Amino acid sequence: MAVRRAALMAASSVTGLVLLLSLKPHHTTPPALAGTGPGAATSSPGPGSGRSGHSTVSSGGGAGANGTFTGAVEQTPYGPVQVAVTLSHGKLAEVRALQTPSGDARSRAIAGYAVPTLTREALGAQSADIQAVSGASYTSEGYMQSLQSALDRAGA
């Protein structure tokens, strides 16, 4: 009987631990709408925009843009996101995050893992048409919008 009780206690402890570790923290404040409030930058996509409206950097031809181009500051519920791109012979050579959400430790941690992933994706895709990072949807969306803005300014 004691062995059965010990096995039951061990199984319930493991189950409880698994349930505890699977909990995700909830935000106590609802996210604010992007682009609201005084001095907030807004980004309004034009008709037919969306994923298919993202520019792809040309790999040559007439474009051949060179230089560094700064994207718009995109406001997210957790802070601003802004990137700059460097084009060399019309190819996306570098993407740097100039601003990322940093209002609290959690926002800094999310940006810390999401931004390098988004940067690798953008360089690989040579465009702003990339996948959002799971768990960092606001940061990802702001990053992609600012990246697209920088590419638009480059004429890419």
N, C-alpha and C. Protein backbone atom coordinates (compact mmCIF):
# COMPACT_ATOMS: atom_id res chain seq x y z
N MET A 1 0.81 -1.18 0.00
CA MET A 1 0.00 0.00 0.00
C MET A 1 0.87 1.27 0.00
N ALA A 2 1.96 1.25 0.74
CA ALA A 2 2.84 2.42 0.82
C ALA A 2 3.52 2.68 -0.53
N VAL A 3 3.84 1.63 -1.27
CA VAL A 3 4.47 1.79 -2.57
C VAL A 3 3.49 2.43 -3.55
N ARG A 4 2.24 1.99 -3.49
CA ARG A 4 1.21 2.55 -4.36
C ARG A 4 1.00 4.03 -4.06
N ARG A 5 0.98 4.40 -2.79
CA ARG A 5 0.79 5.79 -2.39
C ARG A 5 1.98 6.63 -2.86
N ALA A 6 3.20 6.12 -2.72
CA ALA A 6 4.39 6.84 -3.15
C ALA A 6 4.38 7.06 -4.67
N ALA A 7 3.96 6.05 -5.41
CA ALA A 7 3.90 6.17 -6.87
C ALA A 7 2.84 7.20 -7.27
N LEU A 8 1.70 7.18 -6.58
CA LEU A 8 0.65 8.14 -6.87
C LEU A 8 1.10 9.56 -6.55
N MET A 9 1.80 9.76 -5.45
CA MET A 9 2.31 11.08 -5.07
C MET A 9 3.35 11.57 -6.09
N ALA A 10 4.23 10.70 -6.54
CA ALA A 10 5.24 11.09 -7.52
C ALA A 10 4.59 11.48 -8.84
N ALA A 11 3.61 10.71 -9.29
CA ALA A 11 2.93 11.01 -10.54
C ALA A 11 2.18 12.33 -10.46
N SER A 12 1.51 12.58 -9.34
CA SER A 12 0.78 13.85 -9.21
C SER A 12 1.74 15.03 -9.08
N SER A 13 2.89 14.83 -8.48
CA SER A 13 3.88 15.91 -8.38
C SER A 13 4.43 16.26 -9.76
N VAL A 14 4.73 15.27 -10.56
CA VAL A 14 5.24 15.50 -11.91
C VAL A 14 4.17 16.20 -12.74
N THR A 15 2.93 15.76 -12.65
CA THR A 15 1.84 16.38 -13.39
C THR A 15 1.68 17.84 -12.98
N GLY A 16 1.72 18.12 -11.70
CA GLY A 16 1.62 19.50 -11.21
C GLY A 16 2.76 20.36 -11.71
N LEU A 17 3.96 19.82 -11.73
CA LEU A 17 5.13 20.56 -12.20
C LEU A 17 5.00 20.87 -13.69
N VAL A 18 4.55 19.91 -14.47
CA VAL A 18 4.36 20.13 -15.91
C VAL A 18 3.32 21.22 -16.14
N LEU A 19 2.21 21.18 -15.41
CA LEU A 19 1.18 22.20 -15.56
C LEU A 19 1.71 23.58 -15.16
N LEU A 20 2.47 23.63 -14.10
CA LEU A 20 3.03 24.90 -13.64
C LEU A 20 3.98 25.50 -14.68
N LEU A 21 4.82 24.67 -15.26
CA LEU A 21 5.78 25.15 -16.25
C LEU A 21 5.13 25.55 -17.57
N SER A 22 3.95 25.04 -17.83
CA SER A 22 3.28 25.36 -19.09
C SER A 22 2.47 26.66 -19.00
N LEU A 23 2.35 27.25 -17.82
CA LEU A 23 1.62 28.52 -17.68
C LEU A 23 2.40 29.64 -18.33
N LYS A 24 1.69 30.52 -18.98
CA LYS A 24 2.29 31.70 -19.58
C LYS A 24 1.81 32.91 -18.82
N PRO A 25 2.69 33.90 -18.60
CA PRO A 25 2.26 35.09 -17.86
C PRO A 25 1.24 35.89 -18.67
N HIS A 26 0.31 36.47 -17.97
CA HIS A 26 -0.70 37.30 -18.62
C HIS A 26 -0.38 38.75 -18.35
N HIS A 27 -0.64 39.60 -19.33
CA HIS A 27 -0.41 41.02 -19.17
C HIS A 27 -1.60 41.61 -18.44
N THR A 28 -1.36 42.47 -17.48
CA THR A 28 -2.44 43.05 -16.71
C THR A 28 -3.05 44.27 -17.38
N THR A 29 -2.33 44.89 -18.31
CA THR A 29 -2.87 46.04 -19.02
C THR A 29 -3.09 45.67 -20.47
N PRO A 30 -4.22 46.05 -21.02
CA PRO A 30 -4.46 45.74 -22.42
C PRO A 30 -3.52 46.54 -23.30
N PRO A 31 -3.09 45.96 -24.41
CA PRO A 31 -2.18 46.69 -25.30
C PRO A 31 -2.85 47.91 -25.89
N ALA A 32 -2.11 49.00 -25.95
CA ALA A 32 -2.61 50.23 -26.56
C ALA A 32 -2.54 50.08 -28.07
N LEU A 33 -3.35 50.82 -28.75
CA LEU A 33 -3.31 50.79 -30.20
C LEU A 33 -2.05 51.50 -30.68
N ALA A 34 -1.39 50.91 -31.63
CA ALA A 34 -0.18 51.53 -32.19
C ALA A 34 -0.55 52.83 -32.87
N GLY A 35 0.31 53.82 -32.71
CA GLY A 35 0.11 55.08 -33.39
C GLY A 35 -0.88 56.00 -32.72
N THR A 36 -1.20 55.76 -31.43
CA THR A 36 -2.11 56.64 -30.75
C THR A 36 -1.34 57.48 -29.75
N GLY A 37 -1.91 58.57 -29.36
CA GLY A 37 -1.27 59.43 -28.38
C GLY A 37 -0.48 60.53 -29.06
N PRO A 38 -0.11 61.54 -28.25
CA PRO A 38 0.61 62.67 -28.83
C PRO A 38 2.00 62.28 -29.30
N GLY A 39 2.36 62.74 -30.47
CA GLY A 39 3.71 62.53 -30.99
C GLY A 39 3.99 61.14 -31.50
N ALA A 40 2.98 60.28 -31.56
CA ALA A 40 3.21 58.91 -32.00
C ALA A 40 3.34 58.87 -33.52
N ALA A 41 4.28 58.08 -33.98
CA ALA A 41 4.44 57.89 -35.42
C ALA A 41 3.46 56.83 -35.87
N THR A 42 2.90 57.03 -37.02
CA THR A 42 1.97 56.04 -37.54
C THR A 42 2.45 55.55 -38.89
N SER A 43 2.00 54.36 -39.22
CA SER A 43 2.32 53.80 -40.51
C SER A 43 1.02 53.33 -41.12
N SER A 44 0.61 53.92 -42.21
CA SER A 44 -0.62 53.49 -42.84
C SER A 44 -0.30 52.91 -44.20
N PRO A 45 -0.48 51.59 -44.31
CA PRO A 45 -0.19 50.94 -45.58
C PRO A 45 -1.14 51.39 -46.67
N GLY A 46 -0.64 51.41 -47.86
CA GLY A 46 -1.45 51.81 -49.00
C GLY A 46 -2.33 50.67 -49.47
N PRO A 47 -3.13 50.92 -50.47
CA PRO A 47 -4.00 49.88 -50.99
C PRO A 47 -3.19 48.70 -51.52
N GLY A 48 -3.74 47.53 -51.26
CA GLY A 48 -3.09 46.32 -51.75
C GLY A 48 -1.83 45.98 -50.99
N SER A 49 -1.63 46.61 -49.83
CA SER A 49 -0.41 46.29 -49.08
C SER A 49 -0.64 45.03 -48.27
N GLY A 50 0.27 44.70 -47.43
CA GLY A 50 0.21 43.47 -46.68
C GLY A 50 1.42 42.66 -47.02
N ARG A 51 1.37 41.38 -46.75
CA ARG A 51 2.52 40.53 -46.97
C ARG A 51 2.97 40.57 -48.43
N SER A 52 2.01 40.56 -49.34
CA SER A 52 2.40 40.54 -50.75
C SER A 52 2.90 41.89 -51.23
N GLY A 53 2.69 42.96 -50.44
CA GLY A 53 3.12 44.28 -50.84
C GLY A 53 4.54 44.61 -50.42
N HIS A 54 5.23 43.69 -49.79
CA HIS A 54 6.58 43.95 -49.33
C HIS A 54 7.57 43.92 -50.48
N SER A 55 8.48 44.88 -50.44
CA SER A 55 9.49 44.96 -51.50
C SER A 55 10.55 43.89 -51.31
N THR A 56 11.04 43.42 -52.39
CA THR A 56 12.21 42.56 -52.38
C THR A 56 13.35 43.36 -52.96
N VAL A 57 14.49 43.29 -52.32
CA VAL A 57 15.65 44.02 -52.80
C VAL A 57 16.09 43.39 -54.10
N SER A 58 16.32 44.23 -55.10
CA SER A 58 16.74 43.67 -56.39
C SER A 58 18.18 43.21 -56.31
N SER A 59 18.50 42.23 -57.08
CA SER A 59 19.87 41.69 -57.03
C SER A 59 20.74 42.26 -58.12
N GLY A 60 20.33 43.34 -58.67
CA GLY A 60 21.16 43.94 -59.71
C GLY A 60 20.31 44.80 -60.61
N GLY A 61 20.71 44.95 -61.85
CA GLY A 61 19.94 45.72 -62.81
C GLY A 61 20.06 47.20 -62.55
N GLY A 62 19.00 47.95 -62.86
CA GLY A 62 19.02 49.39 -62.76
C GLY A 62 19.02 49.91 -61.33
N ALA A 63 18.43 49.17 -60.39
CA ALA A 63 18.31 49.69 -59.02
C ALA A 63 19.69 49.88 -58.42
N GLY A 64 20.39 48.82 -58.12
CA GLY A 64 21.75 48.87 -57.62
C GLY A 64 22.00 49.89 -56.54
N ALA A 65 21.03 50.13 -55.65
CA ALA A 65 21.17 51.15 -54.62
C ALA A 65 22.31 50.82 -53.67
N ASN A 66 22.98 51.86 -53.23
CA ASN A 66 24.03 51.75 -52.23
C ASN A 66 23.75 52.77 -51.14
N GLY A 67 24.09 52.41 -49.91
CA GLY A 67 23.95 53.35 -48.81
C GLY A 67 23.15 52.80 -47.67
N THR A 68 23.00 53.64 -46.65
CA THR A 68 22.23 53.27 -45.47
C THR A 68 20.96 54.09 -45.43
N PHE A 69 19.84 53.41 -45.17
CA PHE A 69 18.53 54.04 -45.18
C PHE A 69 17.83 53.69 -43.88
N THR A 70 17.28 54.70 -43.24
CA THR A 70 16.63 54.54 -41.95
C THR A 70 15.12 54.41 -42.13
N GLY A 71 14.54 53.42 -41.49
CA GLY A 71 13.10 53.20 -41.54
C GLY A 71 12.37 54.10 -40.56
N ALA A 72 11.07 54.16 -40.71
CA ALA A 72 10.23 54.94 -39.81
C ALA A 72 10.23 54.32 -38.42
N VAL A 73 9.98 55.13 -37.42
CA VAL A 73 9.82 54.64 -36.06
C VAL A 73 8.40 54.08 -35.97
N GLU A 74 8.28 52.82 -35.64
CA GLU A 74 6.98 52.17 -35.52
C GLU A 74 6.66 51.99 -34.04
N GLN A 75 5.54 52.54 -33.61
CA GLN A 75 5.14 52.44 -32.22
C GLN A 75 4.43 51.10 -31.98
N THR A 76 4.86 50.40 -30.95
CA THR A 76 4.19 49.17 -30.53
C THR A 76 3.68 49.39 -29.11
N PRO A 77 2.81 48.53 -28.62
CA PRO A 77 2.33 48.68 -27.24
C PRO A 77 3.45 48.63 -26.20
N TYR A 78 4.61 48.10 -26.57
CA TYR A 78 5.69 47.94 -25.61
C TYR A 78 6.88 48.86 -25.87
N GLY A 79 6.77 49.69 -26.88
CA GLY A 79 7.83 50.65 -27.17
C GLY A 79 8.10 50.74 -28.66
N PRO A 80 8.91 51.71 -29.05
CA PRO A 80 9.18 51.94 -30.47
C PRO A 80 10.15 50.92 -31.07
N VAL A 81 9.99 50.69 -32.36
CA VAL A 81 10.90 49.84 -33.12
C VAL A 81 11.33 50.63 -34.35
N GLN A 82 12.63 50.64 -34.61
CA GLN A 82 13.15 51.31 -35.79
C GLN A 82 14.39 50.57 -36.26
N VAL A 83 14.49 50.39 -37.58
CA VAL A 83 15.66 49.73 -38.15
C VAL A 83 16.27 50.59 -39.24
N ALA A 84 17.53 50.32 -39.52
CA ALA A 84 18.23 50.93 -40.64
C ALA A 84 18.80 49.80 -41.48
N VAL A 85 18.79 49.99 -42.78
CA VAL A 85 19.33 48.98 -43.69
C VAL A 85 20.50 49.57 -44.46
N THR A 86 21.44 48.71 -44.77
CA THR A 86 22.55 49.09 -45.64
C THR A 86 22.45 48.24 -46.89
N LEU A 87 22.40 48.92 -48.03
CA LEU A 87 22.35 48.24 -49.32
C LEU A 87 23.69 48.39 -50.01
N SER A 88 24.13 47.32 -50.63
CA SER A 88 25.36 47.33 -51.40
C SER A 88 25.06 46.70 -52.75
N HIS A 89 25.18 47.49 -53.80
CA HIS A 89 24.88 47.03 -55.16
C HIS A 89 23.46 46.46 -55.24
N GLY A 90 22.53 47.12 -54.55
CA GLY A 90 21.14 46.72 -54.59
C GLY A 90 20.79 45.53 -53.72
N LYS A 91 21.76 45.01 -52.98
CA LYS A 91 21.48 43.85 -52.10
C LYS A 91 21.49 44.29 -50.65
N LEU A 92 20.62 43.70 -49.88
CA LEU A 92 20.53 43.98 -48.45
C LEU A 92 21.76 43.39 -47.77
N ALA A 93 22.67 44.25 -47.32
CA ALA A 93 23.93 43.80 -46.73
C ALA A 93 23.88 43.80 -45.21
N GLU A 94 23.09 44.71 -44.62
CA GLU A 94 23.04 44.80 -43.17
C GLU A 94 21.69 45.37 -42.75
N VAL A 95 21.18 44.86 -41.63
CA VAL A 95 20.00 45.43 -40.99
C VAL A 95 20.37 45.65 -39.52
N ARG A 96 20.20 46.88 -39.06
CA ARG A 96 20.50 47.20 -37.66
C ARG A 96 19.26 47.73 -36.99
N ALA A 97 19.01 47.24 -35.78
CA ALA A 97 17.91 47.76 -34.97
C ALA A 97 18.40 49.01 -34.26
N LEU A 98 17.77 50.14 -34.54
CA LEU A 98 18.13 51.40 -33.89
C LEU A 98 17.35 51.59 -32.60
N GLN A 99 16.10 51.15 -32.58
CA GLN A 99 15.26 51.22 -31.39
C GLN A 99 14.49 49.93 -31.26
N THR A 100 14.40 49.42 -30.04
CA THR A 100 13.58 48.25 -29.76
C THR A 100 12.86 48.49 -28.43
N PRO A 101 11.75 47.80 -28.17
CA PRO A 101 11.05 47.98 -26.90
C PRO A 101 12.00 47.70 -25.73
N SER A 102 12.04 48.63 -24.79
CA SER A 102 12.96 48.47 -23.66
C SER A 102 12.39 49.01 -22.37
N GLY A 103 11.08 49.16 -22.30
CA GLY A 103 10.45 49.75 -21.12
C GLY A 103 10.57 48.92 -19.87
N ASP A 104 10.67 47.62 -20.00
CA ASP A 104 10.82 46.75 -18.83
C ASP A 104 11.70 45.56 -19.21
N ALA A 105 12.05 44.77 -18.22
CA ALA A 105 12.97 43.64 -18.44
C ALA A 105 12.40 42.63 -19.43
N ARG A 106 11.10 42.39 -19.35
CA ARG A 106 10.48 41.41 -20.26
C ARG A 106 10.55 41.90 -21.71
N SER A 107 10.27 43.18 -21.94
CA SER A 107 10.34 43.73 -23.30
C SER A 107 11.77 43.66 -23.83
N ARG A 108 12.75 43.96 -22.98
CA ARG A 108 14.15 43.87 -23.41
C ARG A 108 14.52 42.43 -23.73
N ALA A 109 14.03 41.48 -22.93
CA ALA A 109 14.34 40.07 -23.18
C ALA A 109 13.72 39.59 -24.49
N ILE A 110 12.48 39.97 -24.72
CA ILE A 110 11.80 39.56 -25.97
C ILE A 110 12.53 40.14 -27.17
N ALA A 111 12.86 41.43 -27.11
CA ALA A 111 13.59 42.06 -28.22
C ALA A 111 14.96 41.42 -28.38
N GLY A 112 15.56 41.02 -27.27
CA GLY A 112 16.90 40.42 -27.32
C GLY A 112 16.95 39.12 -28.09
N TYR A 113 15.88 38.35 -28.06
CA TYR A 113 15.90 37.11 -28.85
C TYR A 113 15.21 37.28 -30.19
N ALA A 114 14.24 38.21 -30.30
CA ALA A 114 13.49 38.35 -31.54
C ALA A 114 14.27 39.09 -32.62
N VAL A 115 14.95 40.18 -32.25
CA VAL A 115 15.61 41.03 -33.24
C VAL A 115 16.70 40.29 -34.02
N PRO A 116 17.58 39.53 -33.37
CA PRO A 116 18.57 38.79 -34.17
C PRO A 116 17.93 37.79 -35.13
N THR A 117 16.85 37.15 -34.70
CA THR A 117 16.15 36.21 -35.57
C THR A 117 15.53 36.93 -36.76
N LEU A 118 14.87 38.07 -36.51
CA LEU A 118 14.26 38.85 -37.59
C LEU A 118 15.32 39.36 -38.56
N THR A 119 16.47 39.75 -38.03
CA THR A 119 17.56 40.25 -38.87
C THR A 119 18.08 39.15 -39.80
N ARG A 120 18.29 37.96 -39.25
CA ARG A 120 18.74 36.83 -40.08
C ARG A 120 17.71 36.52 -41.16
N GLU A 121 16.43 36.53 -40.79
CA GLU A 121 15.36 36.25 -41.75
C GLU A 121 15.37 37.30 -42.88
N ALA A 122 15.49 38.57 -42.51
CA ALA A 122 15.46 39.65 -43.51
C ALA A 122 16.64 39.54 -44.46
N LEU A 123 17.82 39.27 -43.93
CA LEU A 123 19.00 39.14 -44.79
C LEU A 123 18.87 37.93 -45.72
N GLY A 124 18.31 36.85 -45.21
CA GLY A 124 18.11 35.66 -46.03
C GLY A 124 17.06 35.87 -47.11
N ALA A 125 15.98 36.56 -46.76
CA ALA A 125 14.88 36.78 -47.71
C ALA A 125 15.15 37.97 -48.63
N GLN A 126 16.09 38.83 -48.23
CA GLN A 126 16.37 40.06 -48.98
C GLN A 126 15.11 40.90 -49.14
N SER A 127 14.26 40.87 -48.11
CA SER A 127 13.02 41.66 -48.14
C SER A 127 12.46 41.76 -46.72
N ALA A 128 11.34 42.48 -46.61
CA ALA A 128 10.63 42.60 -45.34
C ALA A 128 9.54 41.54 -45.23
N ASP A 129 9.43 40.69 -46.21
CA ASP A 129 8.43 39.63 -46.21
C ASP A 129 8.99 38.42 -45.47
N ILE A 130 8.96 38.53 -44.13
CA ILE A 130 9.54 37.50 -43.27
C ILE A 130 8.51 37.05 -42.24
N GLN A 131 8.81 35.97 -41.58
CA GLN A 131 7.92 35.42 -40.56
C GLN A 131 8.13 36.13 -39.23
N ALA A 132 7.04 36.36 -38.51
CA ALA A 132 7.12 36.93 -37.17
C ALA A 132 7.71 35.90 -36.22
N VAL A 133 8.36 36.38 -35.18
CA VAL A 133 8.93 35.50 -34.16
C VAL A 133 7.83 35.19 -33.14
N SER A 134 7.63 33.92 -32.86
CA SER A 134 6.62 33.49 -31.90
C SER A 134 6.91 34.11 -30.54
N GLY A 135 5.88 34.68 -29.94
CA GLY A 135 6.03 35.31 -28.63
C GLY A 135 6.47 36.75 -28.72
N ALA A 136 6.72 37.24 -29.91
CA ALA A 136 7.18 38.63 -30.10
C ALA A 136 6.43 39.26 -31.27
N SER A 137 5.12 39.09 -31.29
CA SER A 137 4.36 39.53 -32.46
C SER A 137 4.37 41.04 -32.63
N TYR A 138 4.26 41.82 -31.56
CA TYR A 138 4.27 43.27 -31.70
C TYR A 138 5.64 43.77 -32.16
N THR A 139 6.70 43.24 -31.55
CA THR A 139 8.05 43.62 -31.94
C THR A 139 8.30 43.21 -33.39
N SER A 140 7.87 42.00 -33.77
CA SER A 140 8.05 41.53 -35.14
C SER A 140 7.33 42.43 -36.14
N GLU A 141 6.10 42.78 -35.84
CA GLU A 141 5.33 43.62 -36.76
C GLU A 141 5.97 44.99 -36.90
N GLY A 142 6.39 45.59 -35.79
CA GLY A 142 7.06 46.88 -35.85
C GLY A 142 8.36 46.81 -36.64
N TYR A 143 9.11 45.73 -36.44
CA TYR A 143 10.37 45.52 -37.15
C TYR A 143 10.12 45.43 -38.65
N MET A 144 9.14 44.61 -39.04
CA MET A 144 8.86 44.43 -40.47
C MET A 144 8.37 45.73 -41.11
N GLN A 145 7.56 46.51 -40.40
CA GLN A 145 7.05 47.77 -40.95
C GLN A 145 8.19 48.78 -41.11
N SER A 146 9.05 48.87 -40.11
CA SER A 146 10.18 49.80 -40.20
C SER A 146 11.15 49.36 -41.30
N LEU A 147 11.37 48.06 -41.40
CA LEU A 147 12.24 47.52 -42.46
C LEU A 147 11.66 47.86 -43.83
N GLN A 148 10.36 47.67 -44.00
CA GLN A 148 9.73 47.99 -45.27
C GLN A 148 9.86 49.48 -45.58
N SER A 149 9.70 50.31 -44.56
CA SER A 149 9.85 51.75 -44.74
C SER A 149 11.26 52.10 -45.21
N ALA A 150 12.27 51.47 -44.61
CA ALA A 150 13.66 51.72 -45.02
C ALA A 150 13.88 51.28 -46.46
N LEU A 151 13.34 50.13 -46.84
CA LEU A 151 13.49 49.64 -48.21
C LEU A 151 12.77 50.57 -49.19
N ASP A 152 11.61 51.09 -48.79
CA ASP A 152 10.89 52.03 -49.65
C ASP A 152 11.71 53.30 -49.86
N ARG A 153 12.35 53.78 -48.80
CA ARG A 153 13.17 54.99 -48.91
C ARG A 153 14.38 54.76 -49.80
N ALA A 154 14.85 53.52 -49.83
CA ALA A 154 16.00 53.18 -50.68
C ALA A 154 15.58 53.01 -52.13
N GLY A 155 14.27 52.93 -52.35
CA GLY A 155 13.78 52.70 -53.70
C GLY A 155 13.92 51.25 -54.12
N ALA A 156 14.09 50.38 -53.13
CA ALA A 156 14.28 48.95 -53.41
C ALA A 156 12.94 48.25 -53.53
